């Protein structure tokens, strides 16, 4: 997860509490206004290589078009999927389908994010 400030860690903590466990290995990159994007990109590149156990890596970012999503898009890795617009519904949907393929997980993330939004 690559997010602004502490959003990623708080989102992961909440999702783990609601779901009861975290079925994935996760690394969180927090991007603050004083960070240099190239430094964060280098760390992201290392995390992706570390996390990939042969099935690829799903990277979730908070807002499309901002520094975290731009950093994610700049990571040069063969088997990576990136989904921007992180919300709790998205993360819980991914947790629910932890045995799916990388492409399926990316689709489940998008689906969870979209269906988790409603005007009441």
PDB file of N, CA and C in Angstrom:
ATOM      1  N   UNK A   1       0.849  -1.165   0.000  1.00  0.00           N
ATOM      2  CA  UNK A   1       0.000   0.000   0.000  1.00  0.00           C
ATOM      3  C   UNK A   1       0.897   1.230   0.000  1.00  0.00           C
ATOM      4  N   UNK A   2       0.571   2.151  -0.876  1.00  0.00           N
ATOM      5  CA  UNK A   2       1.296   3.418  -0.924  1.00  0.00           C
ATOM      6  C   UNK A   2       0.251   4.509  -0.743  1.00  0.00           C
ATOM      7  N   UNK A   3       0.339   5.226   0.376  1.00  0.00           N
ATOM      8  CA  UNK A   3      -0.684   6.211   0.703  1.00  0.00           C
ATOM      9  C   UNK A   3      -0.073   7.470   1.315  1.00  0.00           C
ATOM     10  N   UNK A   4      -0.885   8.490   1.396  1.00  0.00           N
ATOM     11  CA  UNK A   4      -0.498   9.702   2.102  1.00  0.00           C
ATOM     12  C   UNK A   4      -0.467   9.416   3.605  1.00  0.00           C
ATOM     13  N   UNK A   5       0.535   9.975   4.249  1.00  0.00           N
ATOM     14  CA  UNK A   5       0.674   9.918   5.710  1.00  0.00           C
ATOM     15  C   UNK A   5       0.385   8.532   6.260  1.00  0.00           C
ATOM     16  N   UNK A   6      -0.514   8.448   7.213  1.00  0.00           N
ATOM     17  CA  UNK A   6      -0.759   7.210   7.942  1.00  0.00           C
ATOM     18  C   UNK A   6      -2.034   6.495   7.475  1.00  0.00           C
ATOM     19  N   UNK A   7      -2.585   6.904   6.347  1.00  0.00           N
ATOM     20  CA  UNK A   7      -3.843   6.329   5.865  1.00  0.00           C
ATOM     21  C   UNK A   7      -3.728   4.821   5.677  1.00  0.00           C
ATOM     22  N   UNK A   8      -2.665   4.368   5.045  1.00  0.00           N
ATOM     23  CA  UNK A   8      -2.508   2.943   4.757  1.00  0.00           C
ATOM     24  C   UNK A   8      -2.448   2.094   6.001  1.00  0.00           C
ATOM     25  N   UNK A   9      -1.653   2.508   6.972  1.00  0.00           N
ATOM     26  CA  UNK A   9      -1.533   1.691   8.187  1.00  0.00           C
ATOM     27  C   UNK A   9      -2.835   1.684   8.971  1.00  0.00           C
ATOM     28  N   UNK A  10      -3.518   2.806   9.031  1.00  0.00           N
ATOM     29  CA  UNK A  10      -4.798   2.843   9.739  1.00  0.00           C
ATOM     30  C   UNK A  10      -5.864   2.022   9.012  1.00  0.00           C
ATOM     31  N   UNK A  11      -5.868   2.087   7.698  1.00  0.00           N
ATOM     32  CA  UNK A  11      -6.824   1.306   6.908  1.00  0.00           C
ATOM     33  C   UNK A  11      -6.568  -0.189   7.091  1.00  0.00           C
ATOM     34  N   UNK A  12      -5.301  -0.579   7.073  1.00  0.00           N
ATOM     35  CA  UNK A  12      -4.951  -1.984   7.261  1.00  0.00           C
ATOM     36  C   UNK A  12      -5.319  -2.447   8.669  1.00  0.00           C
ATOM     37  N   UNK A  13      -5.048  -1.632   9.656  1.00  0.00           N
ATOM     38  CA  UNK A  13      -5.393  -1.966  11.035  1.00  0.00           C
ATOM     39  C   UNK A  13      -6.909  -2.157  11.190  1.00  0.00           C
ATOM     40  N   UNK A  14      -7.668  -1.276  10.600  1.00  0.00           N
ATOM     41  CA  UNK A  14      -9.128  -1.366  10.680  1.00  0.00           C
ATOM     42  C   UNK A  14      -9.649  -2.586   9.936  1.00  0.00           C
ATOM     43  N   UNK A  15      -9.164  -2.821   8.732  1.00  0.00           N
ATOM     44  CA  UNK A  15      -9.612  -3.981   7.950  1.00  0.00           C
ATOM     45  C   UNK A  15      -9.274  -5.281   8.667  1.00  0.00           C
ATOM     46  N   UNK A  16      -8.097  -5.356   9.253  1.00  0.00           N
ATOM     47  CA  UNK A  16      -7.686  -6.554   9.986  1.00  0.00           C
ATOM     48  C   UNK A  16      -8.587  -6.769  11.196  1.00  0.00           C
ATOM     49  N   UNK A  17      -8.947  -5.703  11.871  1.00  0.00           N
ATOM     50  CA  UNK A  17      -9.839  -5.797  13.024  1.00  0.00           C
ATOM     51  C   UNK A  17     -11.231  -6.273  12.604  1.00  0.00           C
ATOM     52  N   UNK A  18     -11.764  -5.714  11.531  1.00  0.00           N
ATOM     53  CA  UNK A  18     -13.093  -6.090  11.048  1.00  0.00           C
ATOM     54  C   UNK A  18     -13.093  -7.522  10.520  1.00  0.00           C
ATOM     55  N   UNK A  19     -12.085  -7.871   9.745  1.00  0.00           N
ATOM     56  CA  UNK A  19     -12.021  -9.193   9.103  1.00  0.00           C
ATOM     57  C   UNK A  19     -11.588 -10.287  10.081  1.00  0.00           C
ATOM     58  N   UNK A  20     -10.831  -9.908  11.077  1.00  0.00           N
ATOM     59  CA  UNK A  20     -10.362 -10.867  12.070  1.00  0.00           C
ATOM     60  C   UNK A  20      -8.940 -11.331  11.856  1.00  0.00           C
ATOM     61  N   UNK A  21      -8.407 -11.081  10.676  1.00  0.00           N
ATOM     62  CA  UNK A  21      -7.022 -11.424  10.363  1.00  0.00           C
ATOM     63  C   UNK A  21      -6.626 -10.720   9.078  1.00  0.00           C
ATOM     64  N   UNK A  22      -5.338 -10.735   8.806  1.00  0.00           N
ATOM     65  CA  UNK A  22      -4.822 -10.211   7.544  1.00  0.00           C
ATOM     66  C   UNK A  22      -4.267 -11.400   6.762  1.00  0.00           C
ATOM     67  N   UNK A  23      -4.906 -11.774   5.657  1.00  0.00           N
ATOM     68  CA  UNK A  23      -4.467 -12.960   4.922  1.00  0.00           C
ATOM     69  C   UNK A  23      -3.266 -12.741   4.005  1.00  0.00           C
ATOM     70  N   UNK A  24      -2.684 -11.565   4.003  1.00  0.00           N
ATOM     71  CA  UNK A  24      -1.593 -11.240   3.086  1.00  0.00           C
ATOM     72  C   UNK A  24      -0.353 -10.732   3.817  1.00  0.00           C
ATOM     73  N   UNK A  25       0.774 -10.848   3.135  1.00  0.00           N
ATOM     74  CA  UNK A  25       1.973 -10.117   3.548  1.00  0.00           C
ATOM     75  C   UNK A  25       1.803  -8.709   3.000  1.00  0.00           C
ATOM     76  N   UNK A  26       2.002  -7.724   3.839  1.00  0.00           N
ATOM     77  CA  UNK A  26       1.755  -6.341   3.437  1.00  0.00           C
ATOM     78  C   UNK A  26       2.922  -5.467   3.869  1.00  0.00           C
ATOM     79  N   UNK A  27       3.280  -4.552   3.009  1.00  0.00           N
ATOM     80  CA  UNK A  27       4.202  -3.475   3.352  1.00  0.00           C
ATOM     81  C   UNK A  27       3.468  -2.170   3.066  1.00  0.00           C
ATOM     82  N   UNK A  28       3.723  -1.180   3.894  1.00  0.00           N
ATOM     83  CA  UNK A  28       3.066   0.115   3.727  1.00  0.00           C
ATOM     84  C   UNK A  28       4.113   1.193   3.532  1.00  0.00           C
ATOM     85  N   UNK A  29       3.917   1.963   2.485  1.00  0.00           N
ATOM     86  CA  UNK A  29       4.759   3.141   2.241  1.00  0.00           C
ATOM     87  C   UNK A  29       3.903   4.367   2.491  1.00  0.00           C
ATOM     88  N   UNK A  30       4.300   5.151   3.459  1.00  0.00           N
ATOM     89  CA  UNK A  30       3.607   6.394   3.763  1.00  0.00           C
ATOM     90  C   UNK A  30       4.359   7.531   3.104  1.00  0.00           C
ATOM     91  N   UNK A  31       3.656   8.331   2.339  1.00  0.00           N
ATOM     92  CA  UNK A  31       4.270   9.451   1.633  1.00  0.00           C
ATOM     93  C   UNK A  31       3.851  10.746   2.317  1.00  0.00           C
ATOM     94  N   UNK A  32       4.837  11.502   2.752  1.00  0.00           N
ATOM     95  CA  UNK A  32       4.583  12.797   3.369  1.00  0.00           C
ATOM     96  C   UNK A  32       5.107  13.902   2.463  1.00  0.00           C
ATOM     97  N   UNK A  33       4.701  15.138   2.730  1.00  0.00           N
ATOM     98  CA  UNK A  33       5.070  16.244   1.841  1.00  0.00           C
ATOM     99  C   UNK A  33       6.571  16.509   1.805  1.00  0.00           C
ATOM    100  N   UNK A  34       7.312  16.054   2.782  1.00  0.00           N
ATOM    101  CA  UNK A  34       8.755  16.275   2.793  1.00  0.00           C
ATOM    102  C   UNK A  34       9.541  15.137   2.137  1.00  0.00           C
ATOM    103  N   UNK A  35       8.869  14.068   1.743  1.00  0.00           N
ATOM    104  CA  UNK A  35       9.546  12.932   1.105  1.00  0.00           C
ATOM    105  C   UNK A  35       9.932  13.255  -0.330  1.00  0.00           C
ATOM    106  N   UNK A  36      11.022  12.665  -0.766  1.00  0.00           N
ATOM    107  CA  UNK A  36      11.426  12.774  -2.163  1.00  0.00           C
ATOM    108  C   UNK A  36      10.858  11.562  -2.899  1.00  0.00           C
ATOM    109  N   UNK A  37      10.006  11.786  -3.902  1.00  0.00           N
ATOM    110  CA  UNK A  37       9.356  10.674  -4.599  1.00  0.00           C
ATOM    111  C   UNK A  37      10.315   9.594  -5.098  1.00  0.00           C
ATOM    112  N   UNK A  38      11.506   9.978  -5.566  1.00  0.00           N
ATOM    113  CA  UNK A  38      12.453   8.968  -6.047  1.00  0.00           C
ATOM    114  C   UNK A  38      12.925   8.036  -4.938  1.00  0.00           C
ATOM    115  N   UNK A  39      13.077   8.576  -3.728  1.00  0.00           N
ATOM    116  CA  UNK A  39      13.462   7.741  -2.594  1.00  0.00           C
ATOM    117  C   UNK A  39      12.359   6.743  -2.260  1.00  0.00           C
ATOM    118  N   UNK A  40      11.119   7.217  -2.266  1.00  0.00           N
ATOM    119  CA  UNK A  40       9.978   6.343  -1.966  1.00  0.00           C
ATOM    120  C   UNK A  40       9.822   5.306  -3.073  1.00  0.00           C
ATOM    121  N   UNK A  41      10.049   5.716  -4.317  1.00  0.00           N
ATOM    122  CA  UNK A  41       9.968   4.773  -5.436  1.00  0.00           C
ATOM    123  C   UNK A  41      10.983   3.645  -5.257  1.00  0.00           C
ATOM    124  N   UNK A  42      12.198   3.983  -4.886  1.00  0.00           N
ATOM    125  CA  UNK A  42      13.232   2.958  -4.662  1.00  0.00           C
ATOM    126  C   UNK A  42      12.799   1.968  -3.587  1.00  0.00           C
ATOM    127  N   UNK A  43      12.249   2.481  -2.513  1.00  0.00           N
ATOM    128  CA  UNK A  43      11.782   1.616  -1.441  1.00  0.00           C
ATOM    129  C   UNK A  43      10.603   0.763  -1.920  1.00  0.00           C
ATOM    130  N   UNK A  44       9.704   1.358  -2.684  1.00  0.00           N
ATOM    131  CA  UNK A  44       8.577   0.616  -3.249  1.00  0.00           C
ATOM    132  C   UNK A  44       9.043  -0.512  -4.149  1.00  0.00           C
ATOM    133  N   UNK A  45      10.045  -0.253  -4.942  1.00  0.00           N
ATOM    134  CA  UNK A  45      10.627  -1.269  -5.823  1.00  0.00           C
ATOM    135  C   UNK A  45      11.161  -2.436  -4.986  1.00  0.00           C
ATOM    136  N   UNK A  46      11.843  -2.127  -3.905  1.00  0.00           N
ATOM    137  CA  UNK A  46      12.374  -3.178  -3.025  1.00  0.00           C
ATOM    138  C   UNK A  46      11.255  -3.964  -2.364  1.00  0.00           C
ATOM    139  N   UNK A  47      10.226  -3.261  -1.904  1.00  0.00           N
ATOM    140  CA  UNK A  47       9.096  -3.936  -1.258  1.00  0.00           C
ATOM    141  C   UNK A  47       8.401  -4.895  -2.224  1.00  0.00           C
ATOM    142  N   UNK A  48       8.182  -4.457  -3.452  1.00  0.00           N
ATOM    143  CA  UNK A  48       7.501  -5.301  -4.434  1.00  0.00           C
ATOM    144  C   UNK A  48       8.292  -6.580  -4.675  1.00  0.00           C
ATOM    145  N   UNK A  49       9.597  -6.455  -4.845  1.00  0.00           N
ATOM    146  CA  UNK A  49      10.436  -7.648  -5.039  1.00  0.00           C
ATOM    147  C   UNK A  49      10.387  -8.558  -3.821  1.00  0.00           C
ATOM    148  N   UNK A  50      10.395  -7.967  -2.633  1.00  0.00           N
ATOM    149  CA  UNK A  50      10.348  -8.731  -1.389  1.00  0.00           C
ATOM    150  C   UNK A  50       9.011  -9.457  -1.231  1.00  0.00           C
ATOM    151  N   UNK A  51       7.920  -8.783  -1.574  1.00  0.00           N
ATOM    152  CA  UNK A  51       6.586  -9.342  -1.366  1.00  0.00           C
ATOM    153  C   UNK A  51       6.191 -10.403  -2.384  1.00  0.00           C
ATOM    154  N   UNK A  52       6.729 -10.324  -3.577  1.00  0.00           N
ATOM    155  CA  UNK A  52       6.314 -11.270  -4.623  1.00  0.00           C
ATOM    156  C   UNK A  52       6.851 -12.661  -4.330  1.00  0.00           C
ATOM    157  N   UNK A  53       5.927 -13.573  -4.121  1.00  0.00           N
ATOM    158  CA  UNK A  53       6.292 -14.968  -3.889  1.00  0.00           C
ATOM    159  C   UNK A  53       5.939 -15.822  -5.103  1.00  0.00           C
ATOM    160  N   UNK A  54       5.896 -15.182  -6.272  1.00  0.00           N
ATOM    161  CA  UNK A  54       5.638 -15.893  -7.506  1.00  0.00           C
ATOM    162  C   UNK A  54       4.298 -15.606  -8.147  1.00  0.00           C
ATOM    163  N   UNK A  55       3.407 -14.945  -7.412  1.00  0.00           N
ATOM    164  CA  UNK A  55       2.079 -14.657  -7.946  1.00  0.00           C
ATOM    165  C   UNK A  55       1.860 -13.193  -8.279  1.00  0.00           C
ATOM    166  N   UNK A  56       2.882 -12.377  -8.107  1.00  0.00           N
ATOM    167  CA  UNK A  56       2.758 -10.953  -8.368  1.00  0.00           C
ATOM    168  C   UNK A  56       2.361 -10.183  -7.130  1.00  0.00           C
ATOM    169  N   UNK A  57       2.196  -8.873  -7.299  1.00  0.00           N
ATOM    170  CA  UNK A  57       1.912  -7.987  -6.174  1.00  0.00           C
ATOM    171  C   UNK A  57       0.810  -7.004  -6.557  1.00  0.00           C
ATOM    172  N   UNK A  58      -0.164  -6.896  -5.676  1.00  0.00           N
ATOM    173  CA  UNK A  58      -1.221  -5.901  -5.814  1.00  0.00           C
ATOM    174  C   UNK A  58      -0.833  -4.696  -4.972  1.00  0.00           C
ATOM    175  N   UNK A  59      -0.805  -3.526  -5.597  1.00  0.00           N
ATOM    176  CA  UNK A  59      -0.486  -2.287  -4.885  1.00  0.00           C
ATOM    177  C   UNK A  59      -1.743  -1.434  -4.845  1.00  0.00           C
ATOM    178  N   UNK A  60      -2.126  -1.039  -3.644  1.00  0.00           N
ATOM    179  CA  UNK A  60      -3.283  -0.177  -3.457  1.00  0.00           C
ATOM    180  C   UNK A  60      -2.800   1.211  -3.068  1.00  0.00           C
ATOM    181  N   UNK A  61      -3.360   2.229  -3.701  1.00  0.00           N
ATOM    182  CA  UNK A  61      -3.016   3.614  -3.376  1.00  0.00           C
ATOM    183  C   UNK A  61      -4.298   4.371  -3.041  1.00  0.00           C
ATOM    184  N   UNK A  62      -4.145   5.503  -2.374  1.00  0.00           N
ATOM    185  CA  UNK A  62      -5.336   6.195  -1.903  1.00  0.00           C
ATOM    186  C   UNK A  62      -6.042   7.060  -2.950  1.00  0.00           C
ATOM    187  N   UNK A  63      -5.318   7.881  -3.675  1.00  0.00           N
ATOM    188  CA  UNK A  63      -5.979   8.797  -4.616  1.00  0.00           C
ATOM    189  C   UNK A  63      -5.256   8.752  -5.963  1.00  0.00           C
ATOM    190  N   UNK A  64      -6.004   8.511  -7.019  1.00  0.00           N
ATOM    191  CA  UNK A  64      -5.412   8.459  -8.356  1.00  0.00           C
ATOM    192  C   UNK A  64      -4.848   9.836  -8.729  1.00  0.00           C
ATOM    193  N   UNK A  65      -3.701   9.826  -9.385  1.00  0.00           N
ATOM    194  CA  UNK A  65      -3.103  11.057  -9.882  1.00  0.00           C
ATOM    195  C   UNK A  65      -2.261  11.817  -8.877  1.00  0.00           C
ATOM    196  N   UNK A  66      -2.161  11.310  -7.654  1.00  0.00           N
ATOM    197  CA  UNK A  66      -1.352  11.981  -6.636  1.00  0.00           C
ATOM    198  C   UNK A  66      -0.012  11.259  -6.509  1.00  0.00           C
ATOM    199  N   UNK A  67       0.849  11.797  -5.677  1.00  0.00           N
ATOM    200  CA  UNK A  67       2.194  11.237  -5.535  1.00  0.00           C
ATOM    201  C   UNK A  67       2.192   9.738  -5.239  1.00  0.00           C
ATOM    202  N   UNK A  68       1.391   9.235  -4.285  1.00  0.00           N
ATOM    203  CA  UNK A  68       1.422   7.787  -4.050  1.00  0.00           C
ATOM    204  C   UNK A  68       1.072   6.952  -5.285  1.00  0.00           C
ATOM    205  N   UNK A  69       0.038   7.332  -6.020  1.00  0.00           N
ATOM    206  CA  UNK A  69      -0.314   6.542  -7.209  1.00  0.00           C
ATOM    207  C   UNK A  69       0.715   6.729  -8.318  1.00  0.00           C
ATOM    208  N   UNK A  70       1.291   7.913  -8.427  1.00  0.00           N
ATOM    209  CA  UNK A  70       2.337   8.135  -9.423  1.00  0.00           C
ATOM    210  C   UNK A  70       3.581   7.303  -9.108  1.00  0.00           C
ATOM    211  N   UNK A  71       3.913   7.200  -7.830  1.00  0.00           N
ATOM    212  CA  UNK A  71       5.044   6.360  -7.423  1.00  0.00           C
ATOM    213  C   UNK A  71       4.756   4.907  -7.766  1.00  0.00           C
ATOM    214  N   UNK A  72       3.557   4.447  -7.445  1.00  0.00           N
ATOM    215  CA  UNK A  72       3.185   3.058  -7.754  1.00  0.00           C
ATOM    216  C   UNK A  72       3.306   2.788  -9.248  1.00  0.00           C
ATOM    217  N   UNK A  73       2.817   3.711 -10.062  1.00  0.00           N
ATOM    218  CA  UNK A  73       2.879   3.532 -11.512  1.00  0.00           C
ATOM    219  C   UNK A  73       4.303   3.545 -12.042  1.00  0.00           C
ATOM    220  N   UNK A  74       5.208   4.175 -11.328  1.00  0.00           N
ATOM    221  CA  UNK A  74       6.587   4.263 -11.807  1.00  0.00           C
ATOM    222  C   UNK A  74       7.432   3.051 -11.421  1.00  0.00           C
ATOM    223  N   UNK A  75       6.889   2.168 -10.586  1.00  0.00           N
ATOM    224  CA  UNK A  75       7.639   0.974 -10.187  1.00  0.00           C
ATOM    225  C   UNK A  75       7.738   0.033 -11.375  1.00  0.00           C
ATOM    226  N   UNK A  76       8.951  -0.294 -11.723  1.00  0.00           N
ATOM    227  CA  UNK A  76       9.207  -1.155 -12.866  1.00  0.00           C
ATOM    228  C   UNK A  76       9.285  -2.605 -12.382  1.00  0.00           C
ATOM    229  N   UNK A  77       8.180  -3.319 -12.574  1.00  0.00           N
ATOM    230  CA  UNK A  77       8.133  -4.711 -12.132  1.00  0.00           C
ATOM    231  C   UNK A  77       7.216  -5.474 -13.066  1.00  0.00           C
ATOM    232  N   UNK A  78       7.589  -6.716 -13.349  1.00  0.00           N
ATOM    233  CA  UNK A  78       6.886  -7.494 -14.372  1.00  0.00           C
ATOM    234  C   UNK A  78       5.466  -7.885 -13.987  1.00  0.00           C
ATOM    235  N   UNK A  79       5.211  -8.167 -12.725  1.00  0.00           N
ATOM    236  CA  UNK A  79       3.923  -8.718 -12.326  1.00  0.00           C
ATOM    237  C   UNK A  79       3.331  -7.908 -11.175  1.00  0.00           C
ATOM    238  N   UNK A  80       2.831  -6.734 -11.535  1.00  0.00           N
ATOM    239  CA  UNK A  80       2.268  -5.815 -10.549  1.00  0.00           C
ATOM    240  C   UNK A  80       0.938  -5.295 -11.089  1.00  0.00           C
ATOM    241  N   UNK A  81      -0.027  -5.143 -10.207  1.00  0.00           N
ATOM    242  CA  UNK A  81      -1.296  -4.505 -10.551  1.00  0.00           C
ATOM    243  C   UNK A  81      -1.494  -3.397  -9.529  1.00  0.00           C
ATOM    244  N   UNK A  82      -1.990  -2.265  -9.994  1.00  0.00           N
ATOM    245  CA  UNK A  82      -2.169  -1.101  -9.140  1.00  0.00           C
ATOM    246  C   UNK A  82      -3.632  -0.686  -9.182  1.00  0.00           C
ATOM    247  N   UNK A  83      -4.202  -0.453  -8.016  1.00  0.00           N
ATOM    248  CA  UNK A  83      -5.572   0.040  -7.919  1.00  0.00           C
ATOM    249  C   UNK A  83      -5.552   1.262  -7.009  1.00  0.00           C
ATOM    250  N   UNK A  84      -6.078   2.368  -7.514  1.00  0.00           N
ATOM    251  CA  UNK A  84      -6.138   3.609  -6.745  1.00  0.00           C
ATOM    252  C   UNK A  84      -7.559   3.869  -6.271  1.00  0.00           C
ATOM    253  N   UNK A  85      -7.677   4.619  -5.190  1.00  0.00           N
ATOM    254  CA  UNK A  85      -8.981   4.973  -4.637  1.00  0.00           C
ATOM    255  C   UNK A  85      -9.303   4.163  -3.398  1.00  0.00           C
ATOM    256  N   UNK A  86      -8.289   3.803  -2.657  1.00  0.00           N
ATOM    257  CA  UNK A  86      -8.420   2.928  -1.502  1.00  0.00           C
ATOM    258  C   UNK A  86      -9.556   3.340  -0.566  1.00  0.00           C
ATOM    259  N   UNK A  87     -10.380   2.367  -0.238  1.00  0.00           N
ATOM    260  CA  UNK A  87     -11.358   2.534   0.832  1.00  0.00           C
ATOM    261  C   UNK A  87     -11.483   1.208   1.574  1.00  0.00           C
ATOM    262  N   UNK A  88     -12.162   1.222   2.697  1.00  0.00           N
ATOM    263  CA  UNK A  88     -12.240   0.033   3.542  1.00  0.00           C
ATOM    264  C   UNK A  88     -12.964  -1.113   2.845  1.00  0.00           C
ATOM    265  N   UNK A  89     -14.000  -0.805   2.113  1.00  0.00           N
ATOM    266  CA  UNK A  89     -14.741  -1.832   1.381  1.00  0.00           C
ATOM    267  C   UNK A  89     -13.838  -2.546   0.369  1.00  0.00           C
ATOM    268  N   UNK A  90     -12.984  -1.783  -0.302  1.00  0.00           N
ATOM    269  CA  UNK A  90     -12.042  -2.346  -1.264  1.00  0.00           C
ATOM    270  C   UNK A  90     -11.107  -3.334  -0.579  1.00  0.00           C
ATOM    271  N   UNK A  91     -10.544  -2.914   0.520  1.00  0.00           N
ATOM    272  CA  UNK A  91      -9.580  -3.743   1.230  1.00  0.00           C
ATOM    273  C   UNK A  91     -10.233  -5.011   1.779  1.00  0.00           C
ATOM    274  N   UNK A  92     -11.427  -4.891   2.327  1.00  0.00           N
ATOM    275  CA  UNK A  92     -12.133  -6.071   2.838  1.00  0.00           C
ATOM    276  C   UNK A  92     -12.497  -7.028   1.715  1.00  0.00           C
ATOM    277  N   UNK A  93     -12.838  -6.507   0.564  1.00  0.00           N
ATOM    278  CA  UNK A  93     -13.147  -7.371  -0.583  1.00  0.00           C
ATOM    279  C   UNK A  93     -11.912  -8.158  -1.005  1.00  0.00           C
ATOM    280  N   UNK A  94     -10.770  -7.519  -1.009  1.00  0.00           N
ATOM    281  CA  UNK A  94      -9.522  -8.215  -1.331  1.00  0.00           C
ATOM    282  C   UNK A  94      -9.242  -9.299  -0.283  1.00  0.00           C
ATOM    283  N   UNK A  95      -9.433  -8.975   0.982  1.00  0.00           N
ATOM    284  CA  UNK A  95      -9.228  -9.963   2.056  1.00  0.00           C
ATOM    285  C   UNK A  95     -10.118 -11.191   1.851  1.00  0.00           C
ATOM    286  N   UNK A  96     -11.350 -10.964   1.405  1.00  0.00           N
ATOM    287  CA  UNK A  96     -12.307 -12.059   1.217  1.00  0.00           C
ATOM    288  C   UNK A  96     -11.928 -13.006   0.087  1.00  0.00           C
ATOM    289  N   UNK A  97     -11.105 -12.561  -0.826  1.00  0.00           N
ATOM    290  CA  UNK A  97     -10.750 -13.374  -1.992  1.00  0.00           C
ATOM    291  C   UNK A  97      -9.248 -13.618  -2.062  1.00  0.00           C
ATOM    292  N   UNK A  98      -8.652 -13.905  -0.937  1.00  0.00           N
ATOM    293  CA  UNK A  98      -7.193 -14.007  -0.842  1.00  0.00           C
ATOM    294  C   UNK A  98      -6.590 -15.132  -1.686  1.00  0.00           C
ATOM    295  N   UNK A  99      -7.380 -16.088  -2.130  1.00  0.00           N
ATOM    296  CA  UNK A  99      -6.852 -17.186  -2.955  1.00  0.00           C
ATOM    297  C   UNK A  99      -6.965 -16.917  -4.451  1.00  0.00           C
ATOM    298  N   UNK A 100      -7.539 -15.791  -4.829  1.00  0.00           N
ATOM    299  CA  UNK A 100      -7.698 -15.458  -6.246  1.00  0.00           C
ATOM    300  C   UNK A 100      -6.366 -15.055  -6.877  1.00  0.00           C
ATOM    301  N   UNK A 101      -6.342 -15.057  -8.194  1.00  0.00           N
ATOM    302  CA  UNK A 101      -5.154 -14.623  -8.932  1.00  0.00           C
ATOM    303  C   UNK A 101      -4.973 -13.122  -8.784  1.00  0.00           C
ATOM    304  N   UNK A 102      -3.811 -12.643  -9.173  1.00  0.00           N
ATOM    305  CA  UNK A 102      -3.510 -11.213  -9.086  1.00  0.00           C
ATOM    306  C   UNK A 102      -4.523 -10.384  -9.872  1.00  0.00           C
ATOM    307  N   UNK A 103      -4.824 -10.788 -11.097  1.00  0.00           N
ATOM    308  CA  UNK A 103      -5.791 -10.039 -11.903  1.00  0.00           C
ATOM    309  C   UNK A 103      -7.179 -10.062 -11.268  1.00  0.00           C
ATOM    310  N   UNK A 104      -7.566 -11.205 -10.716  1.00  0.00           N
ATOM    311  CA  UNK A 104      -8.860 -11.301 -10.049  1.00  0.00           C
ATOM    312  C   UNK A 104      -8.888 -10.420  -8.806  1.00  0.00           C
ATOM    313  N   UNK A 105      -7.780 -10.398  -8.051  1.00  0.00           N
ATOM    314  CA  UNK A 105      -7.719  -9.542  -6.860  1.00  0.00           C
ATOM    315  C   UNK A 105      -7.846  -8.069  -7.222  1.00  0.00           C
ATOM    316  N   UNK A 106      -7.192  -7.676  -8.294  1.00  0.00           N
ATOM    317  CA  UNK A 106      -7.306  -6.279  -8.739  1.00  0.00           C
ATOM    318  C   UNK A 106      -8.754  -5.964  -9.099  1.00  0.00           C
ATOM    319  N   UNK A 107      -9.414  -6.891  -9.781  1.00  0.00           N
ATOM    320  CA  UNK A 107     -10.834  -6.703 -10.129  1.00  0.00           C
ATOM    321  C   UNK A 107     -11.699  -6.654  -8.876  1.00  0.00           C
ATOM    322  N   UNK A 108     -11.413  -7.520  -7.905  1.00  0.00           N
ATOM    323  CA  UNK A 108     -12.176  -7.539  -6.652  1.00  0.00           C
ATOM    324  C   UNK A 108     -11.958  -6.238  -5.876  1.00  0.00           C
ATOM    325  N   UNK A 109     -10.750  -5.697  -5.929  1.00  0.00           N
ATOM    326  CA  UNK A 109     -10.471  -4.425  -5.269  1.00  0.00           C
ATOM    327  C   UNK A 109     -11.334  -3.322  -5.875  1.00  0.00           C
ATOM    328  N   UNK A 110     -11.356  -3.246  -7.195  1.00  0.00           N
ATOM    329  CA  UNK A 110     -12.157  -2.228  -7.879  1.00  0.00           C
ATOM    330  C   UNK A 110     -13.634  -2.427  -7.556  1.00  0.00           C
ATOM    331  N   UNK A 111     -14.103  -3.664  -7.641  1.00  0.00           N
ATOM    332  CA  UNK A 111     -15.507  -3.964  -7.361  1.00  0.00           C
ATOM    333  C   UNK A 111     -15.878  -3.583  -5.927  1.00  0.00           C
ATOM    334  N   UNK A 112     -15.025  -3.950  -4.971  1.00  0.00           N
ATOM    335  CA  UNK A 112     -15.293  -3.593  -3.575  1.00  0.00           C
ATOM    336  C   UNK A 112     -15.313  -2.103  -3.365  1.00  0.00           C
ATOM    337  N   UNK A 113     -14.405  -1.410  -4.032  1.00  0.00           N
ATOM    338  CA  UNK A 113     -14.369   0.042  -3.908  1.00  0.00           C
ATOM    339  C   UNK A 113     -15.617   0.697  -4.462  1.00  0.00           C
ATOM    340  N   UNK A 114     -16.078   0.222  -5.610  1.00  0.00           N
ATOM    341  CA  UNK A 114     -17.255   0.807  -6.252  1.00  0.00           C
ATOM    342  C   UNK A 114     -18.537   0.465  -5.499  1.00  0.00           C
ATOM    343  N   UNK A 115     -18.717  -0.811  -5.182  1.00  0.00           N
ATOM    344  CA  UNK A 115     -19.964  -1.216  -4.524  1.00  0.00           C
ATOM    345  C   UNK A 115     -20.021  -0.773  -3.065  1.00  0.00           C
ATOM    346  N   UNK A 116     -18.898  -0.355  -2.521  1.00  0.00           N
ATOM    347  CA  UNK A 116     -18.880   0.128  -1.145  1.00  0.00           C
ATOM    348  C   UNK A 116     -19.239   1.603  -1.022  1.00  0.00           C
ATOM    349  N   UNK A 117     -19.610   2.215  -2.136  1.00  0.00           N
ATOM    350  CA  UNK A 117     -19.970   3.635  -2.123  1.00  0.00           C
ATOM    351  C   UNK A 117     -21.438   3.763  -2.487  1.00  0.00           C
ATOM    352  N   UNK A 118     -22.184   4.502  -1.660  1.00  0.00           N
ATOM    353  CA  UNK A 118     -23.606   4.681  -1.921  1.00  0.00           C
ATOM    354  C   UNK A 118     -24.067   5.994  -1.305  1.00  0.00           C
ATOM    355  N   UNK A 119     -24.894   6.671  -2.022  1.00  0.00           N
ATOM    356  CA  UNK A 119     -25.511   7.893  -1.485  1.00  0.00           C
ATOM    357  C   UNK A 119     -26.768   7.459  -0.756  1.00  0.00           C
ATOM    358  N   UNK A 120     -26.843   7.779   0.531  1.00  0.00           N
ATOM    359  CA  UNK A 120     -28.008   7.389   1.327  1.00  0.00           C
ATOM    360  C   UNK A 120     -28.962   8.539   1.538  1.00  0.00           C
TER     361      UNK A 120
END
